[in-house]
Amino acid sequence: MAGNTHMHITNEDTEDASETDLAKHDEDDYVEIKEQMYQDKLASLKRQLLQLQEGGTLQEYQKRMKKLDQQYRERLRNADLFLQLETEQVERNYIKEKKAAVKEFDDKKVELKENLIAELEEKKKMIENEKLTMELTGDSMEVKPIMTRKLRRRPNDPVPIPDKRRKPAPAQLNYLLTDEQIMEDLRTLNKLKSPKRPASPSSPEHLPTTPLEAPTQRYEARIEEGKLYYDKRWYHKSQAIYLESKENTKISCVISSVGTNEIWVRKTSDSTKMRIYLGQLQRGAFVIRRRSAA
């Protein structure tokens, strides 16, 4: 009985020792496997690092480089398209501004030529009117030398002192009337100066033939800041108007320019220009009416 008990104890101890050895052996195998996995992972990382350093043959590196290269090429293409678009826009703006500059130059050149022609025509008319005035009135603008007889100076007479006073310069003629009114006045003066047969004071022929004119109506006319204020209305350059005179003539015109004391108008019929003074507008020699532009 005692022997059996001892044998039972011995068998149990042997089984416990075997389980302990087995657990220890399993633990050693796990550590060895874990160490082997660590070494394999480390070796794989070293191989990848070697591939990256030697020639960039790493697959992950090549994939990312390909993606960067695609992004680089896309940005280059967008930049080229944007540059082309901006260049075309600048070229169009340049052509547009160049055409506008050429047009402005041509317009200014035509305007300058028209103004010079108008001034020359006005000076020509003034000279012709002066010549006609001298022919009708018999006056002359030339100063004729006065013929004087020079006597011999006696020995005891004092030496004559020359007169150093300056001769007055001829006055400048500034016509405020139209050519037709000037011609009518000159013809009237010429008729009055022509010799007539004597007549008695009581004779009807002694009375002037021209009737008395009624007092003309006064209009308010002035020029401010390049605009004409006439008869409670403002008129500016390039405005279409009707120009009426005392002879009841009605002319369609366009205001070409506004000066300091006069305006220039251009007839729509033959494009001739006329100068109208403020005095003529104030006296009612000319009347301005508005009209719609053609």
C-alpha atoms as a PDB file:
ATOM      1  CA  MET A   1       0.000   0.000   0.000  1.00  0.00           C
ATOM      2  CA  ALA A   2       2.777   2.340   0.863  1.00  0.00           C
ATOM      3  CA  GLY A   3       4.586   1.409  -2.294  1.00  0.00           C
ATOM      4  CA  ASN A   4       1.678   2.350  -4.409  1.00  0.00           C
ATOM      5  CA  THR A   5       1.449   5.689  -2.811  1.00  0.00           C
ATOM      6  CA  HIS A   6       5.077   6.449  -3.478  1.00  0.00           C
ATOM      7  CA  MET A   7       4.742   5.447  -7.089  1.00  0.00           C
ATOM      8  CA  HIS A   8       1.761   7.691  -7.558  1.00  0.00           C
ATOM      9  CA  ILE A   9       3.617  10.675  -6.231  1.00  0.00           C
ATOM     10  CA  THR A  10       6.550   9.969  -8.459  1.00  0.00           C
ATOM     11  CA  ASN A  11       4.381   9.846 -11.574  1.00  0.00           C
ATOM     12  CA  GLU A  12       2.704  13.174 -10.762  1.00  0.00           C
ATOM     13  CA  ASP A  13       6.046  14.864 -10.228  1.00  0.00           C
ATOM     14  CA  THR A  14       7.242  13.576 -13.558  1.00  0.00           C
ATOM     15  CA  GLU A  15       4.188  14.927 -15.353  1.00  0.00           C
ATOM     16  CA  ASP A  16       4.615  18.366 -13.757  1.00  0.00           C
ATOM     17  CA  ALA A  17       8.239  18.507 -14.769  1.00  0.00           C
ATOM     18  CA  SER A  18       7.342  17.597 -18.344  1.00  0.00           C
ATOM     19  CA  GLU A  19       4.745  20.373 -18.622  1.00  0.00           C
ATOM     20  CA  THR A  20       7.219  22.932 -17.298  1.00  0.00           C
ATOM     21  CA  ASP A  21       9.849  21.880 -19.793  1.00  0.00           C
ATOM     22  CA  LEU A  22       7.328  22.047 -22.613  1.00  0.00           C
ATOM     23  CA  ALA A  23       6.188  25.568 -21.678  1.00  0.00           C
ATOM     24  CA  LYS A  24       9.788  26.688 -21.460  1.00  0.00           C
ATOM     25  CA  HIS A  25      10.532  25.172 -24.830  1.00  0.00           C
ATOM     26  CA  ASP A  26       7.518  26.929 -26.396  1.00  0.00           C
ATOM     27  CA  GLU A  27       8.609  30.243 -24.943  1.00  0.00           C
ATOM     28  CA  ASP A  28      12.085  29.816 -26.367  1.00  0.00           C
ATOM     29  CA  ASP A  29      10.621  29.017 -29.776  1.00  0.00           C
ATOM     30  CA  TYR A  30       8.421  32.171 -29.672  1.00  0.00           C
ATOM     31  CA  VAL A  31      11.361  34.375 -28.787  1.00  0.00           C
ATOM     32  CA  GLU A  32      13.408  32.812 -31.537  1.00  0.00           C
ATOM     33  CA  ILE A  33      10.620  33.303 -34.092  1.00  0.00           C
ATOM     34  CA  LYS A  34      10.122  36.938 -32.998  1.00  0.00           C
ATOM     35  CA  GLU A  35      13.840  37.564 -33.274  1.00  0.00           C
ATOM     36  CA  GLN A  36      13.855  36.010 -36.734  1.00  0.00           C
ATOM     37  CA  MET A  37      10.948  38.249 -37.844  1.00  0.00           C
ATOM     38  CA  TYR A  38      12.779  41.309 -36.520  1.00  0.00           C
ATOM     39  CA  GLN A  39      15.908  40.357 -38.399  1.00  0.00           C
ATOM     40  CA  ASP A  40      13.939  39.742 -41.596  1.00  0.00           C
ATOM     41  CA  LYS A  41      12.170  43.102 -41.292  1.00  0.00           C
ATOM     42  CA  LEU A  42      15.435  44.890 -40.612  1.00  0.00           C
ATOM     43  CA  ALA A  43      17.081  43.179 -43.583  1.00  0.00           C
ATOM     44  CA  SER A  44      14.149  44.207 -45.813  1.00  0.00           C
ATOM     45  CA  LEU A  45      14.420  47.830 -44.727  1.00  0.00           C
ATOM     46  CA  LYS A  46      18.174  47.789 -45.326  1.00  0.00           C
ATOM     47  CA  ARG A  47      17.618  46.417 -48.839  1.00  0.00           C
ATOM     48  CA  GLN A  48      15.063  49.160 -49.566  1.00  0.00           C
ATOM     49  CA  LEU A  49      17.446  51.815 -48.258  1.00  0.00           C
ATOM     50  CA  LEU A  50      20.246  50.393 -50.410  1.00  0.00           C
ATOM     51  CA  GLN A  51      17.994  50.444 -53.505  1.00  0.00           C
ATOM     52  CA  LEU A  52      17.024  54.042 -52.782  1.00  0.00           C
ATOM     53  CA  GLN A  53      20.610  55.203 -52.288  1.00  0.00           C
ATOM     54  CA  GLU A  54      22.187  53.330 -55.181  1.00  0.00           C
ATOM     55  CA  GLY A  55      20.001  54.263 -58.152  1.00  0.00           C
ATOM     56  CA  GLY A  56      16.511  55.082 -57.058  1.00  0.00           C
ATOM     57  CA  THR A  57      15.203  51.688 -58.107  1.00  0.00           C
ATOM     58  CA  LEU A  58      12.839  51.472 -55.164  1.00  0.00           C
ATOM     59  CA  GLN A  59       9.312  50.862 -56.428  1.00  0.00           C
ATOM     60  CA  GLU A  60       7.643  53.215 -53.946  1.00  0.00           C
ATOM     61  CA  TYR A  61      10.156  55.943 -54.836  1.00  0.00           C
ATOM     62  CA  GLN A  62       9.549  55.484 -58.553  1.00  0.00           C
ATOM     63  CA  LYS A  63       5.781  55.641 -58.072  1.00  0.00           C
ATOM     64  CA  ARG A  64       5.959  58.907 -56.160  1.00  0.00           C
ATOM     65  CA  MET A  65       8.458  60.383 -58.640  1.00  0.00           C
ATOM     66  CA  LYS A  66       6.100  59.548 -61.494  1.00  0.00           C
ATOM     67  CA  LYS A  67       3.247  61.317 -59.710  1.00  0.00           C
ATOM     68  CA  LEU A  68       5.396  64.420 -59.092  1.00  0.00           C
ATOM     69  CA  ASP A  69       6.478  64.438 -62.732  1.00  0.00           C
ATOM     70  CA  GLN A  70       2.842  64.377 -63.886  1.00  0.00           C
ATOM     71  CA  GLN A  71       2.004  67.298 -61.589  1.00  0.00           C
ATOM     72  CA  TYR A  72       5.051  69.192 -62.883  1.00  0.00           C
ATOM     73  CA  ARG A  73       4.079  68.714 -66.524  1.00  0.00           C
ATOM     74  CA  GLU A  74       0.468  69.740 -65.818  1.00  0.00           C
ATOM     75  CA  ARG A  75       1.585  72.982 -64.175  1.00  0.00           C
ATOM     76  CA  LEU A  76       3.900  73.727 -67.082  1.00  0.00           C
ATOM     77  CA  ARG A  77       1.058  73.232 -69.567  1.00  0.00           C
ATOM     78  CA  ASN A  78      -1.275  75.535 -67.581  1.00  0.00           C
ATOM     79  CA  ALA A  79       1.451  78.174 -67.346  1.00  0.00           C
ATOM     80  CA  ASP A  80       2.003  78.055 -71.131  1.00  0.00           C
ATOM     81  CA  LEU A  81      -1.735  78.407 -71.785  1.00  0.00           C
ATOM     82  CA  PHE A  82      -2.005  81.352 -69.385  1.00  0.00           C
ATOM     83  CA  LEU A  83       1.006  83.050 -70.987  1.00  0.00           C
ATOM     84  CA  GLN A  84      -0.492  82.619 -74.456  1.00  0.00           C
ATOM     85  CA  LEU A  85      -3.843  84.024 -73.294  1.00  0.00           C
ATOM     86  CA  GLU A  86      -2.250  87.062 -71.647  1.00  0.00           C
ATOM     87  CA  THR A  87      -0.079  87.708 -74.717  1.00  0.00           C
ATOM     88  CA  GLU A  88      -3.104  87.652 -77.027  1.00  0.00           C
ATOM     89  CA  GLN A  89      -5.009  90.028 -74.703  1.00  0.00           C
ATOM     90  CA  VAL A  90      -2.103  92.488 -74.581  1.00  0.00           C
ATOM     91  CA  GLU A  91      -1.767  92.344 -78.369  1.00  0.00           C
ATOM     92  CA  ARG A  92      -5.479  93.099 -78.837  1.00  0.00           C
ATOM     93  CA  ASN A  93      -5.316  96.038 -76.419  1.00  0.00           C
ATOM     94  CA  TYR A  94      -2.238  97.361 -78.203  1.00  0.00           C
ATOM     95  CA  ILE A  95      -3.937  97.228 -81.612  1.00  0.00           C
ATOM     96  CA  LYS A  96      -7.075  98.898 -80.199  1.00  0.00           C
ATOM     97  CA  GLU A  97      -5.120 101.737 -78.542  1.00  0.00           C
ATOM     98  CA  LYS A  98      -3.016 102.231 -81.663  1.00  0.00           C
ATOM     99  CA  LYS A  99      -6.131 102.574 -83.836  1.00  0.00           C
ATOM    100  CA  ALA A 100      -7.662 105.025 -81.336  1.00  0.00           C
ATOM    101  CA  ALA A 101      -4.472 107.117 -81.325  1.00  0.00           C
ATOM    102  CA  VAL A 102      -4.344 107.202 -85.136  1.00  0.00           C
ATOM    103  CA  LYS A 103      -8.025 108.207 -85.326  1.00  0.00           C
ATOM    104  CA  GLU A 104      -7.551 110.967 -82.753  1.00  0.00           C
ATOM    105  CA  PHE A 105      -4.509 112.241 -84.656  1.00  0.00           C
ATOM    106  CA  ASP A 106      -6.428 112.313 -87.955  1.00  0.00           C
ATOM    107  CA  ASP A 107      -9.397 114.106 -86.338  1.00  0.00           C
ATOM    108  CA  LYS A 108      -7.135 116.723 -84.744  1.00  0.00           C
ATOM    109  CA  LYS A 109      -5.318 117.218 -88.041  1.00  0.00           C
ATOM    110  CA  VAL A 110      -8.581 117.762 -89.935  1.00  0.00           C
ATOM    111  CA  GLU A 111      -9.871 120.131 -87.236  1.00  0.00           C
ATOM    112  CA  LEU A 112      -6.642 122.140 -87.259  1.00  0.00           C
ATOM    113  CA  LYS A 113      -6.738 122.390 -91.064  1.00  0.00           C
ATOM    114  CA  GLU A 114     -10.377 123.539 -91.042  1.00  0.00           C
ATOM    115  CA  ASN A 115      -9.668 126.185 -88.382  1.00  0.00           C
ATOM    116  CA  LEU A 116      -6.677 127.536 -90.318  1.00  0.00           C
ATOM    117  CA  ILE A 117      -8.665 127.636 -93.552  1.00  0.00           C
ATOM    118  CA  ALA A 118     -11.500 129.467 -91.776  1.00  0.00           C
ATOM    119  CA  GLU A 119      -9.082 132.044 -90.335  1.00  0.00           C
ATOM    120  CA  LEU A 120      -7.453 132.605 -93.708  1.00  0.00           C
ATOM    121  CA  GLU A 121     -10.834 132.966 -95.399  1.00  0.00           C
ATOM    122  CA  GLU A 122     -11.872 135.499 -92.775  1.00  0.00           C
ATOM    123  CA  LYS A 123      -8.683 137.510 -93.266  1.00  0.00           C
ATOM    124  CA  LYS A 124      -9.203 137.370 -97.026  1.00  0.00           C
ATOM    125  CA  LYS A 125     -12.751 138.719 -96.673  1.00  0.00           C
ATOM    126  CA  MET A 126     -11.552 141.522 -94.390  1.00  0.00           C
ATOM    127  CA  ILE A 127      -8.887 142.565 -96.911  1.00  0.00           C
ATOM    128  CA  GLU A 128     -11.402 142.478 -99.770  1.00  0.00           C
ATOM    129  CA  ASN A 129     -13.867 144.571 -97.747  1.00  0.00           C
ATOM    130  CA  GLU A 130     -11.159 147.120 -96.930  1.00  0.00           C
ATOM    131  CA  LYS A 131     -10.222 147.333-100.604  1.00  0.00           C
ATOM    132  CA  LEU A 132     -13.856 147.750-101.614  1.00  0.00           C
ATOM    133  CA  THR A 133     -14.339 150.420 -98.960  1.00  0.00           C
ATOM    134  CA  MET A 134     -11.385 152.423-100.283  1.00  0.00           C
ATOM    135  CA  GLU A 135     -12.664 152.106-103.862  1.00  0.00           C
ATOM    136  CA  LEU A 136     -16.174 153.295-102.979  1.00  0.00           C
ATOM    137  CA  THR A 137     -15.242 156.124-100.605  1.00  0.00           C
ATOM    138  CA  GLY A 138     -12.115 157.288-102.422  1.00  0.00           C
ATOM    139  CA  ASP A 139     -10.007 156.943 -99.264  1.00  0.00           C
ATOM    140  CA  SER A 140      -6.541 155.458 -99.281  1.00  0.00           C
ATOM    141  CA  MET A 141      -4.635 153.794 -96.487  1.00  0.00           C
ATOM    142  CA  GLU A 142      -1.301 154.891 -97.995  1.00  0.00           C
ATOM    143  CA  VAL A 143       0.341 157.930 -96.474  1.00  0.00           C
ATOM    144  CA  LYS A 144       1.309 160.300 -99.304  1.00  0.00           C
ATOM    145  CA  PRO A 145       4.346 162.490 -98.739  1.00  0.00           C
ATOM    146  CA  ILE A 146       3.590 166.203 -98.499  1.00  0.00           C
ATOM    147  CA  MET A 147       5.511 168.251-101.041  1.00  0.00           C
ATOM    148  CA  THR A 148       7.016 171.317 -99.352  1.00  0.00           C
ATOM    149  CA  ARG A 149       9.180 174.016-100.813  1.00  0.00           C
ATOM    150  CA  LYS A 150      12.567 174.337 -99.180  1.00  0.00           C
ATOM    151  CA  LEU A 151      13.875 177.899 -99.003  1.00  0.00           C
ATOM    152  CA  ARG A 152      17.432 178.833 -98.467  1.00  0.00           C
ATOM    153  CA  ARG A 153      18.208 179.511 -94.835  1.00  0.00           C
ATOM    154  CA  ARG A 154      19.549 182.903 -94.065  1.00  0.00           C
ATOM    155  CA  PRO A 155      22.837 183.093 -92.140  1.00  0.00           C
ATOM    156  CA  ASN A 156      21.242 184.560 -89.003  1.00  0.00           C
ATOM    157  CA  ASP A 157      18.148 182.272 -88.919  1.00  0.00           C
ATOM    158  CA  PRO A 158      18.165 179.470 -86.302  1.00  0.00           C
ATOM    159  CA  VAL A 159      18.440 175.875 -87.441  1.00  0.00           C
ATOM    160  CA  PRO A 160      14.961 174.324 -87.682  1.00  0.00           C
ATOM    161  CA  ILE A 161      14.286 171.609 -85.108  1.00  0.00           C
ATOM    162  CA  PRO A 162      12.779 168.470 -86.611  1.00  0.00           C
ATOM    163  CA  ASP A 163       9.435 167.302 -85.211  1.00  0.00           C
ATOM    164  CA  LYS A 164      10.003 164.082 -83.309  1.00  0.00           C
ATOM    165  CA  ARG A 165       6.367 163.347 -82.595  1.00  0.00           C
ATOM    166  CA  ARG A 166       5.314 159.947 -83.775  1.00  0.00           C
ATOM    167  CA  LYS A 167       2.603 159.575 -86.318  1.00  0.00           C
ATOM    168  CA  PRO A 168      -0.467 157.728 -85.024  1.00  0.00           C
ATOM    169  CA  ALA A 169      -0.750 154.181 -86.280  1.00  0.00           C
ATOM    170  CA  PRO A 170      -3.737 153.396 -88.460  1.00  0.00           C
ATOM    171  CA  ALA A 171      -6.665 152.004 -86.462  1.00  0.00           C
ATOM    172  CA  GLN A 172      -7.541 148.349 -86.843  1.00  0.00           C
ATOM    173  CA  LEU A 173     -10.928 147.784 -88.443  1.00  0.00           C
ATOM    174  CA  ASN A 174     -13.128 145.260 -86.677  1.00  0.00           C
ATOM    175  CA  TYR A 175     -16.357 144.555 -88.536  1.00  0.00           C
ATOM    176  CA  LEU A 176     -19.357 143.605 -86.427  1.00  0.00           C
ATOM    177  CA  LEU A 177     -21.756 143.436 -89.368  1.00  0.00           C
ATOM    178  CA  THR A 178     -22.230 140.896 -92.107  1.00  0.00           C
ATOM    179  CA  ASP A 179     -20.817 141.391 -95.591  1.00  0.00           C
ATOM    180  CA  GLU A 180     -24.292 142.150 -97.000  1.00  0.00           C
ATOM    181  CA  GLN A 181     -24.952 144.828 -94.362  1.00  0.00           C
ATOM    182  CA  ILE A 182     -21.552 146.429 -94.985  1.00  0.00           C
ATOM    183  CA  MET A 183     -22.135 146.505 -98.735  1.00  0.00           C
ATOM    184  CA  GLU A 184     -25.593 148.048 -98.257  1.00  0.00           C
ATOM    185  CA  ASP A 185     -24.209 150.785 -95.989  1.00  0.00           C
ATOM    186  CA  LEU A 186     -21.376 151.533 -98.417  1.00  0.00           C
ATOM    187  CA  ARG A 187     -23.779 151.862-101.337  1.00  0.00           C
ATOM    188  CA  THR A 188     -25.933 154.227 -99.277  1.00  0.00           C
ATOM    189  CA  LEU A 189     -22.913 156.369 -98.357  1.00  0.00           C
ATOM    190  CA  ASN A 190     -21.743 156.453-101.946  1.00  0.00           C
ATOM    191  CA  LYS A 191     -25.163 157.639-103.107  1.00  0.00           C
ATOM    192  CA  LEU A 192     -25.174 160.396-100.490  1.00  0.00           C
ATOM    193  CA  LYS A 193     -21.684 161.563-101.510  1.00  0.00           C
ATOM    194  CA  SER A 194     -22.463 161.633-105.247  1.00  0.00           C
ATOM    195  CA  PRO A 195     -23.268 165.172-106.652  1.00  0.00           C
ATOM    196  CA  LYS A 196     -26.958 165.951-107.097  1.00  0.00           C
ATOM    197  CA  ARG A 197     -28.801 168.828-108.650  1.00  0.00           C
ATOM    198  CA  PRO A 198     -29.653 171.580-106.174  1.00  0.00           C
ATOM    199  CA  ALA A 199     -33.037 171.399-104.626  1.00  0.00           C
ATOM    200  CA  SER A 200     -34.938 173.679-102.335  1.00  0.00           C
ATOM    201  CA  PRO A 201     -35.151 172.815 -98.659  1.00  0.00           C
ATOM    202  CA  SER A 202     -38.879 172.385 -98.988  1.00  0.00           C
ATOM    203  CA  SER A 203     -38.526 169.940-101.856  1.00  0.00           C
ATOM    204  CA  PRO A 204     -39.328 166.323-101.022  1.00  0.00           C
ATOM    205  CA  GLU A 205     -36.095 165.232-102.684  1.00  0.00           C
ATOM    206  CA  HIS A 206     -34.105 166.968 -99.956  1.00  0.00           C
ATOM    207  CA  LEU A 207     -35.386 164.518 -97.376  1.00  0.00           C
ATOM    208  CA  PRO A 208     -33.458 161.265 -96.851  1.00  0.00           C
ATOM    209  CA  THR A 209     -34.846 158.383 -98.798  1.00  0.00           C
ATOM    210  CA  THR A 210     -34.095 155.731 -96.168  1.00  0.00           C
ATOM    211  CA  PRO A 211     -36.913 155.232 -93.670  1.00  0.00           C
ATOM    212  CA  LEU A 212     -36.282 155.431 -89.974  1.00  0.00           C
ATOM    213  CA  GLU A 213     -35.630 152.045 -88.507  1.00  0.00           C
ATOM    214  CA  ALA A 214     -37.560 150.916 -85.509  1.00  0.00           C
ATOM    215  CA  PRO A 215     -35.516 150.272 -82.366  1.00  0.00           C
ATOM    216  CA  THR A 216     -34.182 146.739 -82.462  1.00  0.00           C
ATOM    217  CA  GLN A 217     -34.907 144.196 -79.765  1.00  0.00           C
ATOM    218  CA  ARG A 218     -32.081 143.498 -77.312  1.00  0.00           C
ATOM    219  CA  TYR A 219     -31.127 139.894 -76.469  1.00  0.00           C
ATOM    220  CA  GLU A 220     -29.039 138.598 -73.620  1.00  0.00           C
ATOM    221  CA  ALA A 221     -25.898 136.904 -74.988  1.00  0.00           C
ATOM    222  CA  ARG A 222     -22.657 135.995 -73.267  1.00  0.00           C
ATOM    223  CA  ILE A 223     -19.960 133.292 -73.380  1.00  0.00           C
ATOM    224  CA  GLU A 224     -18.896 131.348 -70.307  1.00  0.00           C
ATOM    225  CA  GLU A 225     -16.521 128.354 -70.141  1.00  0.00           C
ATOM    226  CA  GLY A 226     -16.708 127.656 -73.860  1.00  0.00           C
ATOM    227  CA  LYS A 227     -20.536 127.794 -73.992  1.00  0.00           C
ATOM    228  CA  LEU A 228     -22.912 130.423 -75.371  1.00  0.00           C
ATOM    229  CA  TYR A 229     -25.773 131.677 -73.209  1.00  0.00           C
ATOM    230  CA  TYR A 230     -28.356 133.246 -75.509  1.00  0.00           C
ATOM    231  CA  ASP A 231     -32.011 134.064 -74.879  1.00  0.00           C
ATOM    232  CA  LYS A 232     -32.185 132.005 -71.643  1.00  0.00           C
ATOM    233  CA  ARG A 233     -30.668 128.923 -73.305  1.00  0.00           C
ATOM    234  CA  TRP A 234     -27.202 127.382 -73.404  1.00  0.00           C
ATOM    235  CA  TYR A 235     -25.551 126.441 -76.721  1.00  0.00           C
ATOM    236  CA  HIS A 236     -22.370 124.394 -77.103  1.00  0.00           C
ATOM    237  CA  LYS A 237     -20.014 123.176 -79.810  1.00  0.00           C
ATOM    238  CA  SER A 238     -21.415 120.759 -82.464  1.00  0.00           C
ATOM    239  CA  GLN A 239     -25.009 121.780 -81.668  1.00  0.00           C
ATOM    240  CA  ALA A 240     -27.461 122.031 -84.566  1.00  0.00           C
ATOM    241  CA  ILE A 241     -29.205 125.422 -84.854  1.00  0.00           C
ATOM    242  CA  TYR A 242     -31.159 127.703 -87.208  1.00  0.00           C
ATOM    243  CA  LEU A 243     -29.617 131.125 -87.885  1.00  0.00           C
ATOM    244  CA  GLU A 244     -32.103 133.879 -88.785  1.00  0.00           C
ATOM    245  CA  SER A 245     -31.057 137.345 -89.970  1.00  0.00           C
ATOM    246  CA  LYS A 246     -32.856 140.682 -90.397  1.00  0.00           C
ATOM    247  CA  GLU A 247     -33.552 139.834 -94.022  1.00  0.00           C
ATOM    248  CA  ASN A 248     -35.773 136.952 -92.793  1.00  0.00           C
ATOM    249  CA  THR A 249     -33.340 134.373 -94.107  1.00  0.00           C
ATOM    250  CA  LYS A 250     -33.226 131.082 -92.208  1.00  0.00           C
ATOM    251  CA  ILE A 251     -30.036 129.025 -92.488  1.00  0.00           C
ATOM    252  CA  SER A 252     -29.435 125.551 -91.086  1.00  0.00           C
ATOM    253  CA  CYS A 253     -26.073 125.534 -89.280  1.00  0.00           C
ATOM    254  CA  VAL A 254     -23.916 123.710 -86.752  1.00  0.00           C
ATOM    255  CA  ILE A 255     -21.810 125.509 -84.119  1.00  0.00           C
ATOM    256  CA  SER A 256     -18.213 124.614 -85.010  1.00  0.00           C
ATOM    257  CA  SER A 257     -16.417 126.547 -82.234  1.00  0.00           C
ATOM    258  CA  VAL A 258     -17.055 129.028 -79.420  1.00  0.00           C
ATOM    259  CA  GLY A 259     -14.498 131.829 -78.917  1.00  0.00           C
ATOM    260  CA  THR A 260     -14.191 134.599 -76.325  1.00  0.00           C
ATOM    261  CA  ASN A 261     -16.320 137.227 -78.064  1.00  0.00           C
ATOM    262  CA  GLU A 262     -17.769 135.351 -81.033  1.00  0.00           C
ATOM    263  CA  ILE A 263     -18.904 131.960 -82.316  1.00  0.00           C
ATOM    264  CA  TRP A 264     -18.223 130.155 -85.589  1.00  0.00           C
ATOM    265  CA  VAL A 265     -21.038 128.344 -87.369  1.00  0.00           C
ATOM    266  CA  ARG A 266     -20.852 125.976 -90.355  1.00  0.00           C
ATOM    267  CA  LYS A 267     -23.655 125.890 -92.904  1.00  0.00           C
ATOM    268  CA  THR A 268     -25.043 122.435 -93.564  1.00  0.00           C
ATOM    269  CA  SER A 269     -25.747 123.281 -97.204  1.00  0.00           C
ATOM    270  CA  ASP A 270     -22.222 124.089 -98.426  1.00  0.00           C
ATOM    271  CA  SER A 271     -20.069 123.650 -95.233  1.00  0.00           C
ATOM    272  CA  THR A 272     -18.963 127.289 -95.338  1.00  0.00           C
ATOM    273  CA  LYS A 273     -18.180 128.952 -92.009  1.00  0.00           C
ATOM    274  CA  MET A 274     -19.419 132.270 -90.611  1.00  0.00           C
ATOM    275  CA  ARG A 275     -18.342 134.301 -87.602  1.00  0.00           C
ATOM    276  CA  ILE A 276     -21.128 135.687 -85.418  1.00  0.00           C
ATOM    277  CA  TYR A 277     -20.182 138.291 -82.772  1.00  0.00           C
ATOM    278  CA  LEU A 278     -21.925 138.720 -79.429  1.00  0.00           C
ATOM    279  CA  GLY A 279     -22.831 142.271 -80.399  1.00  0.00           C
ATOM    280  CA  GLN A 280     -24.759 141.009 -83.419  1.00  0.00           C
ATOM    281  CA  LEU A 281     -26.675 138.554 -81.247  1.00  0.00           C
ATOM    282  CA  GLN A 282     -27.395 141.221 -78.614  1.00  0.00           C
ATOM    283  CA  ARG A 283     -28.675 143.716 -81.222  1.00  0.00           C
ATOM    284  CA  GLY A 284     -30.793 141.076 -82.906  1.00  0.00           C
ATOM    285  CA  ALA A 285     -28.880 141.198 -86.190  1.00  0.00           C
ATOM    286  CA  PHE A 286     -28.897 137.416 -85.967  1.00  0.00           C
ATOM    287  CA  VAL A 287     -31.304 135.190 -84.067  1.00  0.00           C
ATOM    288  CA  ILE A 288     -30.444 131.637 -83.021  1.00  0.00           C
ATOM    289  CA  ARG A 289     -33.048 128.894 -82.780  1.00  0.00           C
ATOM    290  CA  ARG A 290     -32.499 125.321 -81.705  1.00  0.00           C
ATOM    291  CA  ARG A 291     -33.103 122.421 -84.080  1.00  0.00           C
ATOM    292  CA  SER A 292     -32.820 118.676 -83.812  1.00  0.00           C
ATOM    293  CA  ALA A 293     -29.497 117.254 -85.055  1.00  0.00           C
ATOM    294  CA  ALA A 294     -29.629 115.476 -88.397  1.00  0.00           C
END
